Amino acid sequence: MTATYQRIQVRIVRVGPDTTHVSVPTYADGQILVPVATFDLMSATGMTRAQLTGAALTATANVTATSDADVHLHDWQAPTSDTEADRIAAHEAGQREVAWGADLP
């Protein structure tokens, strides 16, 4: 069977000093947790252990995995803040960004 990789949303369930356990909805409906090295996850996201606990992240995963070793979570991304998301959406919509205190035409 060929692996099929997609970007998916995952939930951090438990964060330990060495291993973090992640719920992956495409693997066993998220009921079986996938172990990930805590240090690797912290390095990839820039988040602390406290920030990771309960966090919703995105990662690229093998969505056809039949064992936790085959899920191969990588390319982690933390969600952007609402303010940053709004700025990006406005920019993509072609709206001009205005700094606070700037004079409007």
N, C-alpha and C. Protein backbone atom coordinates (compact mmCIF):
# COMPACT_ATOMS: atom_id res chain seq x y z
N MET A 1 0.84 -1.18 0.00
CA MET A 1 0.00 0.00 0.00
C MET A 1 0.89 1.25 0.00
N THR A 2 0.55 2.21 -0.82
CA THR A 2 1.32 3.44 -0.93
C THR A 2 0.87 4.44 0.13
N ALA A 3 1.84 5.10 0.76
CA ALA A 3 1.54 6.12 1.76
C ALA A 3 0.94 7.35 1.08
N THR A 4 -0.06 7.94 1.72
CA THR A 4 -0.69 9.15 1.22
C THR A 4 -0.53 10.23 2.29
N TYR A 5 0.22 11.26 1.98
CA TYR A 5 0.49 12.33 2.95
C TYR A 5 -0.40 13.53 2.69
N GLN A 6 -0.96 14.07 3.79
CA GLN A 6 -1.80 15.27 3.72
C GLN A 6 -1.55 16.11 4.97
N ARG A 7 -1.81 17.41 4.86
CA ARG A 7 -1.75 18.29 6.03
C ARG A 7 -3.07 18.13 6.77
N ILE A 8 -2.98 17.83 8.07
CA ILE A 8 -4.17 17.61 8.89
C ILE A 8 -4.05 18.38 10.20
N GLN A 9 -5.16 18.55 10.87
CA GLN A 9 -5.15 19.15 12.19
C GLN A 9 -5.04 18.04 13.23
N VAL A 10 -4.20 18.25 14.23
CA VAL A 10 -4.00 17.27 15.30
C VAL A 10 -4.16 17.99 16.64
N ARG A 11 -4.35 17.21 17.70
CA ARG A 11 -4.52 17.77 19.04
C ARG A 11 -3.47 17.14 19.96
N ILE A 12 -2.76 17.99 20.69
CA ILE A 12 -1.78 17.52 21.66
C ILE A 12 -2.54 17.12 22.92
N VAL A 13 -2.39 15.88 23.36
CA VAL A 13 -3.14 15.38 24.51
C VAL A 13 -2.29 15.38 25.77
N ARG A 14 -1.07 14.90 25.67
CA ARG A 14 -0.21 14.77 26.85
C ARG A 14 1.20 15.15 26.46
N VAL A 15 1.84 16.00 27.29
CA VAL A 15 3.21 16.43 27.02
C VAL A 15 4.10 16.00 28.18
N GLY A 16 5.06 15.15 27.88
CA GLY A 16 6.01 14.71 28.89
C GLY A 16 7.38 15.30 28.60
N PRO A 17 8.34 15.06 29.48
CA PRO A 17 9.67 15.62 29.27
C PRO A 17 10.35 15.06 28.02
N ASP A 18 10.05 13.83 27.66
CA ASP A 18 10.68 13.20 26.49
C ASP A 18 9.70 12.91 25.35
N THR A 19 8.47 12.53 25.70
CA THR A 19 7.50 12.11 24.70
C THR A 19 6.19 12.87 24.84
N THR A 20 5.67 13.29 23.70
CA THR A 20 4.36 13.95 23.64
C THR A 20 3.41 12.99 22.92
N HIS A 21 2.17 12.93 23.38
CA HIS A 21 1.17 12.05 22.77
C HIS A 21 0.15 12.90 22.02
N VAL A 22 -0.05 12.55 20.76
CA VAL A 22 -0.86 13.35 19.83
C VAL A 22 -2.04 12.54 19.34
N SER A 23 -3.22 13.18 19.35
CA SER A 23 -4.42 12.58 18.78
C SER A 23 -4.49 12.97 17.31
N VAL A 24 -4.53 11.97 16.45
CA VAL A 24 -4.56 12.17 15.00
C VAL A 24 -5.88 11.62 14.48
N PRO A 25 -6.80 12.49 14.03
CA PRO A 25 -8.13 12.03 13.65
C PRO A 25 -8.15 11.05 12.48
N THR A 26 -7.14 11.06 11.62
CA THR A 26 -7.13 10.13 10.48
C THR A 26 -6.58 8.76 10.85
N TYR A 27 -6.05 8.61 12.07
CA TYR A 27 -5.53 7.32 12.52
C TYR A 27 -6.37 6.85 13.70
N ALA A 28 -7.11 5.78 13.53
CA ALA A 28 -7.96 5.18 14.57
C ALA A 28 -8.92 6.20 15.16
N ASP A 29 -9.42 7.08 14.31
CA ASP A 29 -10.37 8.14 14.73
C ASP A 29 -9.85 8.95 15.90
N GLY A 30 -8.53 9.07 16.03
CA GLY A 30 -7.93 9.88 17.09
C GLY A 30 -7.95 9.20 18.45
N GLN A 31 -8.41 7.95 18.52
CA GLN A 31 -8.53 7.25 19.79
C GLN A 31 -7.21 6.66 20.28
N ILE A 32 -6.31 6.35 19.37
CA ILE A 32 -4.99 5.83 19.73
C ILE A 32 -3.99 6.97 19.54
N LEU A 33 -3.27 7.30 20.60
CA LEU A 33 -2.36 8.43 20.56
C LEU A 33 -1.04 8.04 19.91
N VAL A 34 -0.49 8.98 19.15
CA VAL A 34 0.76 8.77 18.44
C VAL A 34 1.88 9.47 19.22
N PRO A 35 2.95 8.74 19.58
CA PRO A 35 4.05 9.36 20.31
C PRO A 35 4.97 10.18 19.40
N VAL A 36 5.40 11.33 19.90
CA VAL A 36 6.30 12.22 19.18
C VAL A 36 7.33 12.73 20.19
N ALA A 37 8.57 12.92 19.76
CA ALA A 37 9.60 13.46 20.65
C ALA A 37 9.25 14.90 21.03
N THR A 38 9.15 15.17 22.32
CA THR A 38 8.77 16.50 22.81
C THR A 38 9.74 17.57 22.32
N PHE A 39 11.03 17.30 22.38
CA PHE A 39 12.02 18.29 21.96
C PHE A 39 11.84 18.66 20.49
N ASP A 40 11.59 17.66 19.64
CA ASP A 40 11.38 17.92 18.21
C ASP A 40 10.16 18.80 17.99
N LEU A 41 9.10 18.53 18.72
CA LEU A 41 7.87 19.29 18.60
C LEU A 41 8.06 20.73 19.08
N MET A 42 8.76 20.90 20.20
CA MET A 42 9.04 22.24 20.72
C MET A 42 9.91 23.03 19.74
N SER A 43 10.90 22.38 19.16
CA SER A 43 11.78 23.04 18.20
C SER A 43 11.03 23.46 16.93
N ALA A 44 10.15 22.60 16.46
CA ALA A 44 9.42 22.87 15.22
C ALA A 44 8.38 23.97 15.37
N THR A 45 7.75 24.06 16.55
CA THR A 45 6.66 25.03 16.73
C THR A 45 7.07 26.29 17.48
N GLY A 46 8.18 26.23 18.21
CA GLY A 46 8.58 27.37 19.04
C GLY A 46 7.74 27.49 20.30
N MET A 47 6.99 26.45 20.63
CA MET A 47 6.12 26.47 21.80
C MET A 47 6.79 25.77 22.97
N THR A 48 6.43 26.17 24.20
CA THR A 48 6.92 25.51 25.40
C THR A 48 6.06 24.28 25.69
N ARG A 49 6.51 23.47 26.65
CA ARG A 49 5.70 22.30 27.02
C ARG A 49 4.33 22.74 27.52
N ALA A 50 4.29 23.82 28.30
CA ALA A 50 3.01 24.30 28.82
C ALA A 50 2.09 24.77 27.68
N GLN A 51 2.65 25.43 26.68
CA GLN A 51 1.84 25.90 25.55
C GLN A 51 1.36 24.74 24.68
N LEU A 52 2.13 23.68 24.61
CA LEU A 52 1.75 22.54 23.77
C LEU A 52 0.57 21.76 24.34
N THR A 53 0.46 21.71 25.66
CA THR A 53 -0.60 20.92 26.28
C THR A 53 -1.98 21.39 25.80
N GLY A 54 -2.70 20.50 25.13
CA GLY A 54 -4.03 20.81 24.63
C GLY A 54 -4.07 21.58 23.32
N ALA A 55 -2.91 21.91 22.76
CA ALA A 55 -2.85 22.74 21.56
C ALA A 55 -3.38 22.00 20.33
N ALA A 56 -4.00 22.76 19.46
CA ALA A 56 -4.40 22.26 18.14
C ALA A 56 -3.33 22.74 17.16
N LEU A 57 -2.69 21.81 16.48
CA LEU A 57 -1.64 22.12 15.52
C LEU A 57 -2.00 21.49 14.18
N THR A 58 -1.23 21.81 13.17
CA THR A 58 -1.34 21.08 11.92
C THR A 58 0.00 20.39 11.67
N ALA A 59 -0.08 19.27 10.97
CA ALA A 59 1.12 18.51 10.61
C ALA A 59 0.83 17.75 9.33
N THR A 60 1.88 17.36 8.67
CA THR A 60 1.73 16.48 7.52
C THR A 60 1.82 15.06 8.05
N ALA A 61 0.90 14.20 7.61
CA ALA A 61 0.84 12.83 8.12
C ALA A 61 0.45 11.87 7.02
N ASN A 62 0.83 10.62 7.22
CA ASN A 62 0.40 9.54 6.34
C ASN A 62 -1.03 9.19 6.76
N VAL A 63 -1.99 9.58 5.96
CA VAL A 63 -3.40 9.39 6.33
C VAL A 63 -3.89 7.96 6.05
N THR A 64 -3.05 7.13 5.45
CA THR A 64 -3.41 5.73 5.23
C THR A 64 -2.66 4.80 6.18
N ALA A 65 -2.06 5.34 7.24
CA ALA A 65 -1.27 4.54 8.18
C ALA A 65 -2.13 3.48 8.87
N THR A 66 -1.52 2.33 9.10
CA THR A 66 -2.20 1.25 9.81
C THR A 66 -1.56 0.99 11.17
N SER A 67 -0.49 1.71 11.50
CA SER A 67 0.12 1.64 12.83
C SER A 67 0.65 3.01 13.20
N ASP A 68 0.83 3.26 14.50
CA ASP A 68 1.29 4.58 14.91
C ASP A 68 2.68 4.90 14.35
N ALA A 69 3.50 3.90 14.12
CA ALA A 69 4.83 4.12 13.55
C ALA A 69 4.75 4.58 12.10
N ASP A 70 3.66 4.25 11.42
CA ASP A 70 3.50 4.63 10.01
C ASP A 70 2.89 6.01 9.81
N VAL A 71 2.38 6.64 10.87
CA VAL A 71 1.72 7.95 10.73
C VAL A 71 2.73 9.00 10.28
N HIS A 72 3.95 8.93 10.80
CA HIS A 72 5.05 9.81 10.40
C HIS A 72 4.67 11.29 10.39
N LEU A 73 4.31 11.81 11.55
CA LEU A 73 3.97 13.23 11.67
C LEU A 73 5.22 14.09 11.47
N HIS A 74 5.10 15.13 10.66
CA HIS A 74 6.22 16.05 10.42
C HIS A 74 5.67 17.36 9.87
N ASP A 75 6.56 18.31 9.65
CA ASP A 75 6.18 19.62 9.10
C ASP A 75 5.12 20.29 9.98
N TRP A 76 5.42 20.36 11.28
CA TRP A 76 4.49 20.92 12.27
C TRP A 76 4.28 22.41 12.06
N GLN A 77 3.07 22.88 12.31
CA GLN A 77 2.77 24.32 12.28
C GLN A 77 1.79 24.65 13.39
N ALA A 78 2.13 25.71 14.12
CA ALA A 78 1.22 26.23 15.14
C ALA A 78 0.26 27.19 14.44
N PRO A 79 -0.97 27.29 14.92
CA PRO A 79 -1.91 28.22 14.29
C PRO A 79 -1.44 29.65 14.48
N THR A 80 -1.78 30.50 13.52
CA THR A 80 -1.45 31.91 13.65
C THR A 80 -2.46 32.57 14.57
N SER A 81 -2.08 33.69 15.13
CA SER A 81 -3.01 34.42 15.99
C SER A 81 -4.13 35.00 15.14
N ASP A 82 -5.26 35.33 15.79
CA ASP A 82 -6.39 35.90 15.05
C ASP A 82 -5.98 37.20 14.36
N THR A 83 -5.18 38.01 15.03
CA THR A 83 -4.75 39.27 14.45
C THR A 83 -3.93 39.03 13.19
N GLU A 84 -3.00 38.10 13.25
CA GLU A 84 -2.18 37.80 12.09
C GLU A 84 -3.02 37.19 10.98
N ALA A 85 -3.94 36.31 11.34
CA ALA A 85 -4.82 35.71 10.34
C ALA A 85 -5.66 36.78 9.65
N ASP A 86 -6.18 37.75 10.42
CA ASP A 86 -6.97 38.84 9.84
C ASP A 86 -6.12 39.68 8.89
N ARG A 87 -4.85 39.95 9.28
CA ARG A 87 -3.97 40.76 8.44
C ARG A 87 -3.68 40.04 7.12
N ILE A 88 -3.45 38.73 7.20
CA ILE A 88 -3.17 37.95 6.00
C ILE A 88 -4.40 37.92 5.10
N ALA A 89 -5.58 37.70 5.70
CA ALA A 89 -6.82 37.66 4.91
C ALA A 89 -7.07 39.00 4.23
N ALA A 90 -6.83 40.09 4.94
CA ALA A 90 -7.03 41.42 4.36
C ALA A 90 -6.06 41.66 3.21
N HIS A 91 -4.81 41.25 3.39
CA HIS A 91 -3.81 41.42 2.35
C HIS A 91 -4.18 40.60 1.11
N GLU A 92 -4.63 39.37 1.33
CA GLU A 92 -5.00 38.51 0.21
C GLU A 92 -6.24 39.03 -0.50
N ALA A 93 -7.09 39.75 0.22
CA ALA A 93 -8.29 40.32 -0.39
C ALA A 93 -7.99 41.63 -1.12
N GLY A 94 -6.72 42.07 -1.06
CA GLY A 94 -6.33 43.29 -1.76
C GLY A 94 -6.58 44.57 -0.98
N GLN A 95 -6.85 44.45 0.31
CA GLN A 95 -7.07 45.64 1.13
C GLN A 95 -5.73 46.20 1.57
N ARG A 96 -5.68 47.52 1.70
CA ARG A 96 -4.46 48.19 2.13
C ARG A 96 -4.34 48.13 3.64
N GLU A 97 -3.14 47.75 4.13
CA GLU A 97 -2.90 47.74 5.56
C GLU A 97 -2.63 49.17 6.03
N VAL A 98 -3.21 49.55 7.16
CA VAL A 98 -3.04 50.89 7.70
C VAL A 98 -2.51 50.76 9.12
N ALA A 99 -1.43 51.45 9.41
CA ALA A 99 -0.85 51.43 10.76
C ALA A 99 -1.66 52.37 11.64
N TRP A 100 -1.72 52.05 12.95
CA TRP A 100 -2.42 52.93 13.89
C TRP A 100 -1.81 54.32 13.84
N GLY A 101 -2.65 55.33 13.80
CA GLY A 101 -2.20 56.72 13.80
C GLY A 101 -1.85 57.23 12.42
N ALA A 102 -1.95 56.41 11.40
CA ALA A 102 -1.62 56.86 10.05
C ALA A 102 -2.77 57.73 9.53
N ASP A 103 -2.39 58.75 8.77
CA ASP A 103 -3.41 59.60 8.16
C ASP A 103 -4.01 58.89 6.96
N LEU A 104 -5.34 58.89 6.91
CA LEU A 104 -6.05 58.29 5.79
C LEU A 104 -6.27 59.33 4.71
N PRO A 105 -6.22 58.95 3.45
CA PRO A 105 -6.45 59.91 2.36
C PRO A 105 -7.88 60.41 2.32
